[in-house]
Amino acid sequence: MLGSLPWSEDDLKKEYYRDVNNVNNRIKELPGYLIHRELDLLYLSLEIFRSSVYELFDSIEEFINESDKPGFWDRPFQEYAYQVELAIQRGMFASTVSALSLVSHCNKFIDQFSISNFEERKNETFVSCELHAFIHSFRRYVSHIRMAKADWHTTISFLQETKETRFRISQEQLLRFKEWKSIAKKMIKNSPNGVDIKFTFEKYLEKINKFYSWFFNQAKKDYETHLKEYRNYDTLIKGFDSYSNWNLLINQIFLPKKIDPYIYLPKYLNKEELNEILALERNSKEQVDKIIQILDEYKACDEKLRRAIYKLFKVKGN
């Protein structure tokens, strides 16, 4: 049975093989577990927002590139042109909704855990920010009122020999919504040609990246002791899991059935890793050690397991 903290690796290993469920439950009781979990979920929310914005940018870029090609606007390609425009609308909606989901998820984290100087940084970044106010209100607009259609506008400069296509939502369309925050409404009124979608999300993404870079670094500082404790134990348990799985696979399946391990390498190695392995001498200790180095993420392989792997790969001299 596990006693009080701290736990030694040997004690943890003994309890793991005695009652793995008890070990997992005890780990979840550590203060760092909940902090780690909530930080991971918040980071996932951030990544969903980033991914949505990048997909929006990609859709806009695809439209710009494809619309320059002969025939893009011809009748046979109308459905394709519609799908490209639809991807932009979808990206705009997803970016807006995920931006506000990120705000909600951050607030949920702060409800549970305090972060040093959070209110000061949040207010400094978002309270008087036109972009944040616009996207906050725009989410309500597209979620509860109506979809907003972004239209493309192309500007050609014969003097500079340049052509630029931008997607904008018209000022008239936006002002039909009567519940804009005051600073968001000011931004719209200062955009007589409409709000440029890509520019707006580019600038907002910059603010988000800067704020959350600070946020996660500060959270790690504030909870360094708890997070380090949890992650150390979690790494040990994942190592035990890894060892058990590889030991079972090699000693109870591959070796007894005399399975050729080389045919399974593409299942475990990506293309670059596979090329690196195949460039080494087949059945050599160097080659097999390299395979172990790549796959042994938690440094779980001991000498006994290594010798079994050498035997499986028919390493010369072993």
C-alpha atoms as a PDB file:
ATOM      1  CA  MET A   1       0.000   0.000   0.000  1.00  0.00           C
ATOM      2  CA  LEU A   2       1.181   3.505  -0.765  1.00  0.00           C
ATOM      3  CA  GLY A   3       1.829   5.546   2.337  1.00  0.00           C
ATOM      4  CA  SER A   4       2.155   9.290   2.676  1.00  0.00           C
ATOM      5  CA  LEU A   5       4.079  11.433   0.185  1.00  0.00           C
ATOM      6  CA  PRO A   6       6.710  11.451  -1.127  1.00  0.00           C
ATOM      7  CA  TRP A   7       6.682   8.009  -2.797  1.00  0.00           C
ATOM      8  CA  SER A   8       9.822   6.278  -3.971  1.00  0.00           C
ATOM      9  CA  GLU A   9       9.949   4.788  -7.463  1.00  0.00           C
ATOM     10  CA  ASP A  10      10.242   1.291  -5.975  1.00  0.00           C
ATOM     11  CA  ASP A  11       7.181   1.779  -3.744  1.00  0.00           C
ATOM     12  CA  LEU A  12       5.189   3.163  -6.646  1.00  0.00           C
ATOM     13  CA  LYS A  13       6.216   0.267  -8.884  1.00  0.00           C
ATOM     14  CA  LYS A  14       5.287  -2.353  -6.265  1.00  0.00           C
ATOM     15  CA  GLU A  15       1.860  -0.778  -5.786  1.00  0.00           C
ATOM     16  CA  TYR A  16       1.400  -0.443  -9.566  1.00  0.00           C
ATOM     17  CA  TYR A  17       1.819  -4.190 -10.059  1.00  0.00           C
ATOM     18  CA  ARG A  18      -0.258  -4.945  -6.961  1.00  0.00           C
ATOM     19  CA  ASP A  19      -3.193  -2.620  -7.731  1.00  0.00           C
ATOM     20  CA  VAL A  20      -2.848  -0.316 -10.728  1.00  0.00           C
ATOM     21  CA  ASN A  21      -6.302   1.201 -10.166  1.00  0.00           C
ATOM     22  CA  ASN A  22      -5.346   2.299  -6.668  1.00  0.00           C
ATOM     23  CA  VAL A  23      -2.192   3.958  -8.025  1.00  0.00           C
ATOM     24  CA  ASN A  24      -4.188   5.849 -10.655  1.00  0.00           C
ATOM     25  CA  ASN A  25      -6.699   6.973  -8.057  1.00  0.00           C
ATOM     26  CA  ARG A  26      -3.973   8.154  -5.678  1.00  0.00           C
ATOM     27  CA  ILE A  27      -2.320  10.136  -8.468  1.00  0.00           C
ATOM     28  CA  LYS A  28      -5.613  11.931  -9.146  1.00  0.00           C
ATOM     29  CA  GLU A  29      -5.675  13.046  -5.507  1.00  0.00           C
ATOM     30  CA  LEU A  30      -2.467  15.053  -5.951  1.00  0.00           C
ATOM     31  CA  PRO A  31      -3.023  18.857  -6.107  1.00  0.00           C
ATOM     32  CA  GLY A  32      -1.066  19.026  -9.346  1.00  0.00           C
ATOM     33  CA  TYR A  33      -3.383  16.584 -11.142  1.00  0.00           C
ATOM     34  CA  LEU A  34      -6.358  18.946 -11.350  1.00  0.00           C
ATOM     35  CA  ILE A  35      -4.165  21.930 -12.238  1.00  0.00           C
ATOM     36  CA  HIS A  36      -2.434  19.933 -14.981  1.00  0.00           C
ATOM     37  CA  ARG A  37      -5.742  18.663 -16.354  1.00  0.00           C
ATOM     38  CA  GLU A  38      -7.377  22.083 -16.458  1.00  0.00           C
ATOM     39  CA  LEU A  39      -4.304  23.677 -18.056  1.00  0.00           C
ATOM     40  CA  ASP A  40      -4.352  20.952 -20.722  1.00  0.00           C
ATOM     41  CA  LEU A  41      -8.044  21.567 -21.434  1.00  0.00           C
ATOM     42  CA  LEU A  42      -7.481  25.313 -21.663  1.00  0.00           C
ATOM     43  CA  TYR A  43      -4.564  24.761 -24.030  1.00  0.00           C
ATOM     44  CA  LEU A  44      -6.807  22.518 -26.160  1.00  0.00           C
ATOM     45  CA  SER A  45      -9.335  25.360 -26.366  1.00  0.00           C
ATOM     46  CA  LEU A  46      -6.547  27.716 -27.443  1.00  0.00           C
ATOM     47  CA  GLU A  47      -5.407  25.267 -30.126  1.00  0.00           C
ATOM     48  CA  ILE A  48      -8.973  24.906 -31.444  1.00  0.00           C
ATOM     49  CA  PHE A  49      -9.193  28.693 -31.795  1.00  0.00           C
ATOM     50  CA  ARG A  50      -5.818  28.872 -33.548  1.00  0.00           C
ATOM     51  CA  SER A  51      -6.732  26.015 -35.863  1.00  0.00           C
ATOM     52  CA  SER A  52     -10.031  27.692 -36.755  1.00  0.00           C
ATOM     53  CA  VAL A  53      -8.281  30.958 -37.576  1.00  0.00           C
ATOM     54  CA  TYR A  54      -5.592  29.266 -39.674  1.00  0.00           C
ATOM     55  CA  GLU A  55      -8.264  27.347 -41.583  1.00  0.00           C
ATOM     56  CA  LEU A  56     -10.025  30.651 -42.230  1.00  0.00           C
ATOM     57  CA  PHE A  57      -6.785  32.141 -43.558  1.00  0.00           C
ATOM     58  CA  ASP A  58      -6.198  29.064 -45.744  1.00  0.00           C
ATOM     59  CA  SER A  59      -9.715  29.334 -47.191  1.00  0.00           C
ATOM     60  CA  ILE A  60      -9.206  33.002 -48.003  1.00  0.00           C
ATOM     61  CA  GLU A  61      -5.854  32.220 -49.624  1.00  0.00           C
ATOM     62  CA  GLU A  62      -7.440  29.409 -51.646  1.00  0.00           C
ATOM     63  CA  PHE A  63     -10.138  31.763 -52.907  1.00  0.00           C
ATOM     64  CA  ILE A  64      -7.558  34.386 -53.911  1.00  0.00           C
ATOM     65  CA  ASN A  65      -5.423  31.828 -55.751  1.00  0.00           C
ATOM     66  CA  GLU A  66      -8.290  29.995 -57.444  1.00  0.00           C
ATOM     67  CA  SER A  67     -10.238  33.109 -58.442  1.00  0.00           C
ATOM     68  CA  ASP A  68      -7.267  34.245 -60.523  1.00  0.00           C
ATOM     69  CA  LYS A  69      -7.426  31.129 -62.658  1.00  0.00           C
ATOM     70  CA  PRO A  70      -9.266  31.209 -66.012  1.00  0.00           C
ATOM     71  CA  GLY A  71     -12.750  29.724 -65.795  1.00  0.00           C
ATOM     72  CA  PHE A  72     -13.174  30.058 -62.017  1.00  0.00           C
ATOM     73  CA  TRP A  73     -16.271  32.212 -62.483  1.00  0.00           C
ATOM     74  CA  ASP A  74     -17.681  30.217 -65.407  1.00  0.00           C
ATOM     75  CA  ARG A  75     -20.876  28.253 -64.954  1.00  0.00           C
ATOM     76  CA  PRO A  76     -19.261  24.761 -64.806  1.00  0.00           C
ATOM     77  CA  PHE A  77     -17.228  25.878 -61.782  1.00  0.00           C
ATOM     78  CA  GLN A  78     -20.013  27.665 -59.905  1.00  0.00           C
ATOM     79  CA  GLU A  79     -20.407  24.865 -57.345  1.00  0.00           C
ATOM     80  CA  TYR A  80     -16.667  24.810 -56.641  1.00  0.00           C
ATOM     81  CA  ALA A  81     -16.585  28.600 -56.287  1.00  0.00           C
ATOM     82  CA  TYR A  82     -19.531  28.372 -53.895  1.00  0.00           C
ATOM     83  CA  GLN A  83     -17.768  25.728 -51.786  1.00  0.00           C
ATOM     84  CA  VAL A  84     -14.636  27.886 -51.547  1.00  0.00           C
ATOM     85  CA  GLU A  85     -16.703  30.869 -50.393  1.00  0.00           C
ATOM     86  CA  LEU A  86     -18.621  28.609 -47.993  1.00  0.00           C
ATOM     87  CA  ALA A  87     -15.337  27.474 -46.428  1.00  0.00           C
ATOM     88  CA  ILE A  88     -14.553  31.134 -45.663  1.00  0.00           C
ATOM     89  CA  GLN A  89     -17.952  31.639 -44.034  1.00  0.00           C
ATOM     90  CA  ARG A  90     -17.504  28.431 -42.023  1.00  0.00           C
ATOM     91  CA  GLY A  91     -14.026  29.485 -40.934  1.00  0.00           C
ATOM     92  CA  MET A  92     -15.292  32.888 -39.880  1.00  0.00           C
ATOM     93  CA  PHE A  93     -18.060  31.323 -37.790  1.00  0.00           C
ATOM     94  CA  ALA A  94     -15.751  28.739 -36.182  1.00  0.00           C
ATOM     95  CA  SER A  95     -13.105  31.364 -35.382  1.00  0.00           C
ATOM     96  CA  THR A  96     -15.637  33.649 -33.756  1.00  0.00           C
ATOM     97  CA  VAL A  97     -17.315  30.951 -31.671  1.00  0.00           C
ATOM     98  CA  SER A  98     -14.032  29.327 -30.583  1.00  0.00           C
ATOM     99  CA  ALA A  99     -12.638  32.746 -29.591  1.00  0.00           C
ATOM    100  CA  LEU A 100     -15.414  33.215 -27.066  1.00  0.00           C
ATOM    101  CA  SER A 101     -15.256  29.587 -25.928  1.00  0.00           C
ATOM    102  CA  LEU A 102     -11.627  30.264 -25.086  1.00  0.00           C
ATOM    103  CA  VAL A 103     -12.679  33.218 -22.921  1.00  0.00           C
ATOM    104  CA  SER A 104     -15.211  31.041 -21.095  1.00  0.00           C
ATOM    105  CA  HIS A 105     -12.708  28.243 -20.536  1.00  0.00           C
ATOM    106  CA  CYS A 106     -10.120  30.686 -19.212  1.00  0.00           C
ATOM    107  CA  ASN A 107     -12.671  32.145 -16.790  1.00  0.00           C
ATOM    108  CA  LYS A 108     -13.529  28.616 -15.632  1.00  0.00           C
ATOM    109  CA  PHE A 109      -9.864  27.986 -14.859  1.00  0.00           C
ATOM    110  CA  ILE A 110      -9.594  31.252 -12.918  1.00  0.00           C
ATOM    111  CA  ASP A 111     -12.689  30.314 -10.913  1.00  0.00           C
ATOM    112  CA  GLN A 112     -10.707  27.346  -9.576  1.00  0.00           C
ATOM    113  CA  PHE A 113      -7.125  28.621  -9.514  1.00  0.00           C
ATOM    114  CA  SER A 114      -5.643  32.072  -9.092  1.00  0.00           C
ATOM    115  CA  ILE A 115      -2.888  33.348 -11.399  1.00  0.00           C
ATOM    116  CA  SER A 116      -0.576  36.144 -10.267  1.00  0.00           C
ATOM    117  CA  ASN A 117      -1.431  39.508 -11.910  1.00  0.00           C
ATOM    118  CA  PHE A 118      -4.195  37.914 -13.981  1.00  0.00           C
ATOM    119  CA  GLU A 119      -6.748  40.719 -13.645  1.00  0.00           C
ATOM    120  CA  GLU A 120      -4.156  43.349 -14.459  1.00  0.00           C
ATOM    121  CA  ARG A 121      -2.957  41.520 -17.564  1.00  0.00           C
ATOM    122  CA  LYS A 122      -6.485  40.659 -18.704  1.00  0.00           C
ATOM    123  CA  ASN A 123      -7.679  44.254 -18.361  1.00  0.00           C
ATOM    124  CA  GLU A 124      -4.569  45.590 -20.052  1.00  0.00           C
ATOM    125  CA  THR A 125      -5.036  43.231 -23.007  1.00  0.00           C
ATOM    126  CA  PHE A 126      -8.801  43.034 -23.504  1.00  0.00           C
ATOM    127  CA  VAL A 127     -10.900  45.604 -21.620  1.00  0.00           C
ATOM    128  CA  SER A 128     -10.355  48.531 -24.007  1.00  0.00           C
ATOM    129  CA  CYS A 129      -9.568  46.387 -27.047  1.00  0.00           C
ATOM    130  CA  GLU A 130     -11.825  47.125 -30.028  1.00  0.00           C
ATOM    131  CA  LEU A 131     -10.987  43.793 -31.638  1.00  0.00           C
ATOM    132  CA  HIS A 132     -11.984  41.806 -28.555  1.00  0.00           C
ATOM    133  CA  ALA A 133     -15.199  43.771 -28.132  1.00  0.00           C
ATOM    134  CA  PHE A 134     -16.030  43.320 -31.812  1.00  0.00           C
ATOM    135  CA  ILE A 135     -15.460  39.553 -31.803  1.00  0.00           C
ATOM    136  CA  HIS A 136     -17.338  39.188 -28.493  1.00  0.00           C
ATOM    137  CA  SER A 137     -20.404  40.953 -29.888  1.00  0.00           C
ATOM    138  CA  PHE A 138     -20.007  39.383 -33.331  1.00  0.00           C
ATOM    139  CA  ARG A 139     -20.249  35.921 -31.767  1.00  0.00           C
ATOM    140  CA  ARG A 140     -23.677  36.848 -30.369  1.00  0.00           C
ATOM    141  CA  TYR A 141     -24.650  38.247 -33.757  1.00  0.00           C
ATOM    142  CA  VAL A 142     -23.776  35.112 -35.776  1.00  0.00           C
ATOM    143  CA  SER A 143     -24.930  32.659 -33.084  1.00  0.00           C
ATOM    144  CA  HIS A 144     -28.276  34.194 -32.181  1.00  0.00           C
ATOM    145  CA  ILE A 145     -29.313  36.712 -34.840  1.00  0.00           C
ATOM    146  CA  ARG A 146     -28.147  35.812 -38.360  1.00  0.00           C
ATOM    147  CA  MET A 147     -25.121  34.700 -40.335  1.00  0.00           C
ATOM    148  CA  ALA A 148     -22.964  37.568 -41.586  1.00  0.00           C
ATOM    149  CA  LYS A 149     -21.796  37.268 -45.177  1.00  0.00           C
ATOM    150  CA  ALA A 150     -18.290  38.390 -46.035  1.00  0.00           C
ATOM    151  CA  ASP A 151     -17.928  39.689 -49.601  1.00  0.00           C
ATOM    152  CA  TRP A 152     -14.734  39.845 -51.599  1.00  0.00           C
ATOM    153  CA  HIS A 153     -13.285  43.109 -52.863  1.00  0.00           C
ATOM    154  CA  THR A 154     -10.416  43.298 -55.328  1.00  0.00           C
ATOM    155  CA  THR A 155      -8.188  46.352 -55.648  1.00  0.00           C
ATOM    156  CA  ILE A 156      -5.932  46.658 -58.685  1.00  0.00           C
ATOM    157  CA  SER A 157      -3.063  49.146 -58.845  1.00  0.00           C
ATOM    158  CA  PHE A 158      -1.895  49.553 -62.450  1.00  0.00           C
ATOM    159  CA  LEU A 159       0.843  51.924 -61.290  1.00  0.00           C
ATOM    160  CA  GLN A 160       2.359  49.414 -58.865  1.00  0.00           C
ATOM    161  CA  GLU A 161       1.173  46.407 -60.901  1.00  0.00           C
ATOM    162  CA  THR A 162      -0.441  44.793 -57.855  1.00  0.00           C
ATOM    163  CA  LYS A 163      -3.757  43.097 -57.226  1.00  0.00           C
ATOM    164  CA  GLU A 164      -5.210  42.592 -53.760  1.00  0.00           C
ATOM    165  CA  THR A 165      -8.366  40.714 -52.779  1.00  0.00           C
ATOM    166  CA  ARG A 166      -9.820  41.184 -49.295  1.00  0.00           C
ATOM    167  CA  PHE A 167     -12.914  39.771 -47.606  1.00  0.00           C
ATOM    168  CA  ARG A 168     -15.006  42.319 -45.744  1.00  0.00           C
ATOM    169  CA  ILE A 169     -18.308  42.447 -43.922  1.00  0.00           C
ATOM    170  CA  SER A 170     -20.105  45.628 -44.888  1.00  0.00           C
ATOM    171  CA  GLN A 171     -20.682  48.389 -42.366  1.00  0.00           C
ATOM    172  CA  GLU A 172     -24.368  48.485 -43.325  1.00  0.00           C
ATOM    173  CA  GLN A 173     -24.823  44.757 -42.619  1.00  0.00           C
ATOM    174  CA  LEU A 174     -23.076  44.963 -39.247  1.00  0.00           C
ATOM    175  CA  LEU A 175     -24.969  48.009 -38.044  1.00  0.00           C
ATOM    176  CA  ARG A 176     -28.281  46.203 -38.449  1.00  0.00           C
ATOM    177  CA  PHE A 177     -27.333  44.542 -35.157  1.00  0.00           C
ATOM    178  CA  LYS A 178     -28.255  46.915 -32.320  1.00  0.00           C
ATOM    179  CA  GLU A 179     -26.411  45.266 -29.437  1.00  0.00           C
ATOM    180  CA  TRP A 180     -22.792  46.047 -30.261  1.00  0.00           C
ATOM    181  CA  LYS A 181     -20.580  47.063 -27.373  1.00  0.00           C
ATOM    182  CA  SER A 182     -19.766  50.746 -27.683  1.00  0.00           C
ATOM    183  CA  ILE A 183     -16.094  50.305 -28.591  1.00  0.00           C
ATOM    184  CA  ALA A 184     -17.004  47.597 -31.122  1.00  0.00           C
ATOM    185  CA  LYS A 185     -19.543  49.926 -32.695  1.00  0.00           C
ATOM    186  CA  LYS A 186     -16.871  52.621 -32.845  1.00  0.00           C
ATOM    187  CA  MET A 187     -14.607  50.213 -34.736  1.00  0.00           C
ATOM    188  CA  ILE A 188     -17.380  49.440 -37.236  1.00  0.00           C
ATOM    189  CA  LYS A 189     -18.168  53.124 -37.796  1.00  0.00           C
ATOM    190  CA  ASN A 190     -14.467  53.750 -38.394  1.00  0.00           C
ATOM    191  CA  SER A 191     -14.540  51.106 -41.142  1.00  0.00           C
ATOM    192  CA  PRO A 192     -16.628  52.701 -43.932  1.00  0.00           C
ATOM    193  CA  ASN A 193     -15.449  50.081 -46.431  1.00  0.00           C
ATOM    194  CA  GLY A 194     -16.404  47.247 -44.104  1.00  0.00           C
ATOM    195  CA  VAL A 195     -14.511  45.182 -41.528  1.00  0.00           C
ATOM    196  CA  ASP A 196     -11.644  43.252 -43.094  1.00  0.00           C
ATOM    197  CA  ILE A 197     -11.952  39.658 -41.874  1.00  0.00           C
ATOM    198  CA  LYS A 198      -8.363  38.493 -42.291  1.00  0.00           C
ATOM    199  CA  PHE A 199      -6.858  41.682 -40.876  1.00  0.00           C
ATOM    200  CA  THR A 200      -9.201  41.554 -37.869  1.00  0.00           C
ATOM    201  CA  PHE A 201      -8.364  37.959 -36.979  1.00  0.00           C
ATOM    202  CA  GLU A 202      -4.656  38.407 -37.669  1.00  0.00           C
ATOM    203  CA  LYS A 203      -4.451  41.248 -35.162  1.00  0.00           C
ATOM    204  CA  TYR A 204      -6.656  39.462 -32.639  1.00  0.00           C
ATOM    205  CA  LEU A 205      -4.606  36.270 -32.941  1.00  0.00           C
ATOM    206  CA  GLU A 206      -1.473  38.275 -32.133  1.00  0.00           C
ATOM    207  CA  LYS A 207      -3.092  39.511 -28.926  1.00  0.00           C
ATOM    208  CA  ILE A 208      -4.304  36.035 -27.986  1.00  0.00           C
ATOM    209  CA  ASN A 209      -0.897  34.448 -28.563  1.00  0.00           C
ATOM    210  CA  LYS A 210       0.868  37.091 -26.502  1.00  0.00           C
ATOM    211  CA  PHE A 211      -1.618  36.867 -23.631  1.00  0.00           C
ATOM    212  CA  TYR A 212      -1.677  33.066 -23.397  1.00  0.00           C
ATOM    213  CA  SER A 213       2.090  32.799 -23.711  1.00  0.00           C
ATOM    214  CA  TRP A 214       2.243  34.913 -20.554  1.00  0.00           C
ATOM    215  CA  PHE A 215      -0.679  33.031 -18.954  1.00  0.00           C
ATOM    216  CA  PHE A 216       0.766  29.530 -19.270  1.00  0.00           C
ATOM    217  CA  ASN A 217       4.235  30.628 -18.224  1.00  0.00           C
ATOM    218  CA  GLN A 218       2.802  32.355 -15.158  1.00  0.00           C
ATOM    219  CA  ALA A 219       0.646  29.347 -14.267  1.00  0.00           C
ATOM    220  CA  LYS A 220       3.701  27.086 -14.418  1.00  0.00           C
ATOM    221  CA  LYS A 221       5.579  29.453 -12.114  1.00  0.00           C
ATOM    222  CA  ASP A 222       2.703  29.784  -9.648  1.00  0.00           C
ATOM    223  CA  TYR A 223       2.096  26.030  -9.430  1.00  0.00           C
ATOM    224  CA  GLU A 224       5.585  24.750 -10.191  1.00  0.00           C
ATOM    225  CA  THR A 225       5.856  22.565  -7.072  1.00  0.00           C
ATOM    226  CA  HIS A 226       2.479  20.844  -7.514  1.00  0.00           C
ATOM    227  CA  LEU A 227       2.891  20.414 -11.269  1.00  0.00           C
ATOM    228  CA  LYS A 228       6.404  19.009 -10.953  1.00  0.00           C
ATOM    229  CA  GLU A 229       5.294  16.523  -8.311  1.00  0.00           C
ATOM    230  CA  TYR A 230       2.337  15.291 -10.380  1.00  0.00           C
ATOM    231  CA  ARG A 231       4.247  15.127 -13.677  1.00  0.00           C
ATOM    232  CA  ASN A 232       7.127  13.193 -12.113  1.00  0.00           C
ATOM    233  CA  TYR A 233       4.785  10.527 -10.758  1.00  0.00           C
ATOM    234  CA  ASP A 234       2.726  10.519 -13.958  1.00  0.00           C
ATOM    235  CA  THR A 235       5.884   9.942 -16.020  1.00  0.00           C
ATOM    236  CA  LEU A 236       6.864   7.012 -13.804  1.00  0.00           C
ATOM    237  CA  ILE A 237       3.433   5.406 -14.187  1.00  0.00           C
ATOM    238  CA  LYS A 238       3.482   5.874 -17.958  1.00  0.00           C
ATOM    239  CA  GLY A 239       6.897   4.220 -17.892  1.00  0.00           C
ATOM    240  CA  PHE A 240       5.450   1.248 -16.006  1.00  0.00           C
ATOM    241  CA  ASP A 241       2.600   1.076 -18.541  1.00  0.00           C
ATOM    242  CA  SER A 242       5.051   1.224 -21.429  1.00  0.00           C
ATOM    243  CA  TYR A 243       7.292  -1.485 -19.967  1.00  0.00           C
ATOM    244  CA  SER A 244       4.334  -3.804 -19.332  1.00  0.00           C
ATOM    245  CA  ASN A 245       3.000  -3.358 -22.859  1.00  0.00           C
ATOM    246  CA  TRP A 246       6.354  -3.871 -24.614  1.00  0.00           C
ATOM    247  CA  ASN A 247       7.277  -6.794 -22.378  1.00  0.00           C
ATOM    248  CA  LEU A 248       3.972  -8.504 -23.175  1.00  0.00           C
ATOM    249  CA  LEU A 249       4.281  -7.823 -26.899  1.00  0.00           C
ATOM    250  CA  ILE A 250       7.873  -9.009 -27.226  1.00  0.00           C
ATOM    251  CA  ASN A 251       8.128 -11.887 -24.751  1.00  0.00           C
ATOM    252  CA  GLN A 252       4.634 -13.348 -25.064  1.00  0.00           C
ATOM    253  CA  ILE A 253       3.731 -12.656 -28.695  1.00  0.00           C
ATOM    254  CA  PHE A 254       6.608 -11.783 -31.028  1.00  0.00           C
ATOM    255  CA  LEU A 255       9.295 -14.139 -29.696  1.00  0.00           C
ATOM    256  CA  PRO A 256       7.111 -17.259 -29.141  1.00  0.00           C
ATOM    257  CA  LYS A 257       5.500 -16.845 -32.579  1.00  0.00           C
ATOM    258  CA  LYS A 258       8.829 -15.972 -34.255  1.00  0.00           C
ATOM    259  CA  ILE A 259       7.336 -12.854 -35.858  1.00  0.00           C
ATOM    260  CA  ASP A 260       9.646 -10.751 -38.031  1.00  0.00           C
ATOM    261  CA  PRO A 261       9.704  -7.333 -36.252  1.00  0.00           C
ATOM    262  CA  TYR A 262      10.863  -5.502 -39.371  1.00  0.00           C
ATOM    263  CA  ILE A 263       7.480  -5.861 -41.054  1.00  0.00           C
ATOM    264  CA  TYR A 264       5.913  -3.949 -38.137  1.00  0.00           C
ATOM    265  CA  LEU A 265       8.316  -0.999 -38.089  1.00  0.00           C
ATOM    266  CA  PRO A 266       6.082   1.194 -40.324  1.00  0.00           C
ATOM    267  CA  LYS A 267       3.353   0.815 -37.692  1.00  0.00           C
ATOM    268  CA  TYR A 268       5.528   2.425 -35.018  1.00  0.00           C
ATOM    269  CA  LEU A 269       7.874   4.754 -36.919  1.00  0.00           C
ATOM    270  CA  ASN A 270       7.085   7.738 -39.123  1.00  0.00           C
ATOM    271  CA  LYS A 271       8.626   8.034 -42.587  1.00  0.00           C
ATOM    272  CA  GLU A 272      11.681  10.030 -41.474  1.00  0.00           C
ATOM    273  CA  GLU A 273      12.372   7.716 -38.530  1.00  0.00           C
ATOM    274  CA  LEU A 274      11.965   4.626 -40.705  1.00  0.00           C
ATOM    275  CA  ASN A 275      14.416   5.961 -43.275  1.00  0.00           C
ATOM    276  CA  GLU A 276      16.914   6.677 -40.494  1.00  0.00           C
ATOM    277  CA  ILE A 277      16.588   3.114 -39.160  1.00  0.00           C
ATOM    278  CA  LEU A 278      16.829   1.439 -42.564  1.00  0.00           C
ATOM    279  CA  ALA A 279      19.976   3.415 -43.333  1.00  0.00           C
ATOM    280  CA  LEU A 280      21.701   1.515 -40.501  1.00  0.00           C
ATOM    281  CA  GLU A 281      23.024  -2.029 -40.814  1.00  0.00           C
ATOM    282  CA  ARG A 282      20.208  -4.561 -40.540  1.00  0.00           C
ATOM    283  CA  ASN A 283      20.229  -6.641 -37.326  1.00  0.00           C
ATOM    284  CA  SER A 284      22.997  -4.486 -35.883  1.00  0.00           C
ATOM    285  CA  LYS A 285      23.134  -3.419 -32.256  1.00  0.00           C
ATOM    286  CA  GLU A 286      23.382   0.192 -33.436  1.00  0.00           C
ATOM    287  CA  GLN A 287      20.164  -0.137 -35.444  1.00  0.00           C
ATOM    288  CA  VAL A 288      18.174  -1.778 -32.650  1.00  0.00           C
ATOM    289  CA  ASP A 289      19.477   0.666 -30.022  1.00  0.00           C
ATOM    290  CA  LYS A 290      18.264   3.474 -32.287  1.00  0.00           C
ATOM    291  CA  ILE A 291      14.799   1.879 -32.520  1.00  0.00           C
ATOM    292  CA  ILE A 292      14.655   1.635 -28.727  1.00  0.00           C
ATOM    293  CA  GLN A 293      15.831   5.247 -28.361  1.00  0.00           C
ATOM    294  CA  ILE A 294      13.017   6.472 -30.632  1.00  0.00           C
ATOM    295  CA  LEU A 295      10.221   4.378 -29.147  1.00  0.00           C
ATOM    296  CA  ASP A 296      11.194   4.344 -25.459  1.00  0.00           C
ATOM    297  CA  GLU A 297       9.550   7.676 -24.674  1.00  0.00           C
ATOM    298  CA  TYR A 298       9.545   7.107 -20.905  1.00  0.00           C
ATOM    299  CA  LYS A 299      12.991   5.445 -20.591  1.00  0.00           C
ATOM    300  CA  ALA A 300      11.313   2.258 -19.415  1.00  0.00           C
ATOM    301  CA  CYS A 301      13.527  -0.264 -21.203  1.00  0.00           C
ATOM    302  CA  ASP A 302      15.793  -2.093 -18.750  1.00  0.00           C
ATOM    303  CA  GLU A 303      18.641  -4.485 -19.623  1.00  0.00           C
ATOM    304  CA  LYS A 304      16.419  -7.561 -19.423  1.00  0.00           C
ATOM    305  CA  LEU A 305      13.921  -6.149 -21.915  1.00  0.00           C
ATOM    306  CA  ARG A 306      16.740  -4.828 -24.123  1.00  0.00           C
ATOM    307  CA  ARG A 307      18.250  -8.322 -24.355  1.00  0.00           C
ATOM    308  CA  ALA A 308      14.849  -9.710 -25.376  1.00  0.00           C
ATOM    309  CA  ILE A 309      14.611  -7.045 -28.091  1.00  0.00           C
ATOM    310  CA  TYR A 310      18.130  -7.933 -29.323  1.00  0.00           C
ATOM    311  CA  LYS A 311      17.016 -11.570 -29.521  1.00  0.00           C
ATOM    312  CA  LEU A 312      13.877 -10.608 -31.442  1.00  0.00           C
ATOM    313  CA  PHE A 313      15.873  -8.614 -33.991  1.00  0.00           C
ATOM    314  CA  LYS A 314      18.598 -11.309 -34.158  1.00  0.00           C
ATOM    315  CA  VAL A 315      21.316  -8.849 -33.240  1.00  0.00           C
ATOM    316  CA  LYS A 316      24.710 -10.353 -34.043  1.00  0.00           C
ATOM    317  CA  GLY A 317      26.733 -11.397 -31.010  1.00  0.00           C
ATOM    318  CA  ASN A 318      23.677 -11.400 -28.668  1.00  0.00           C
END
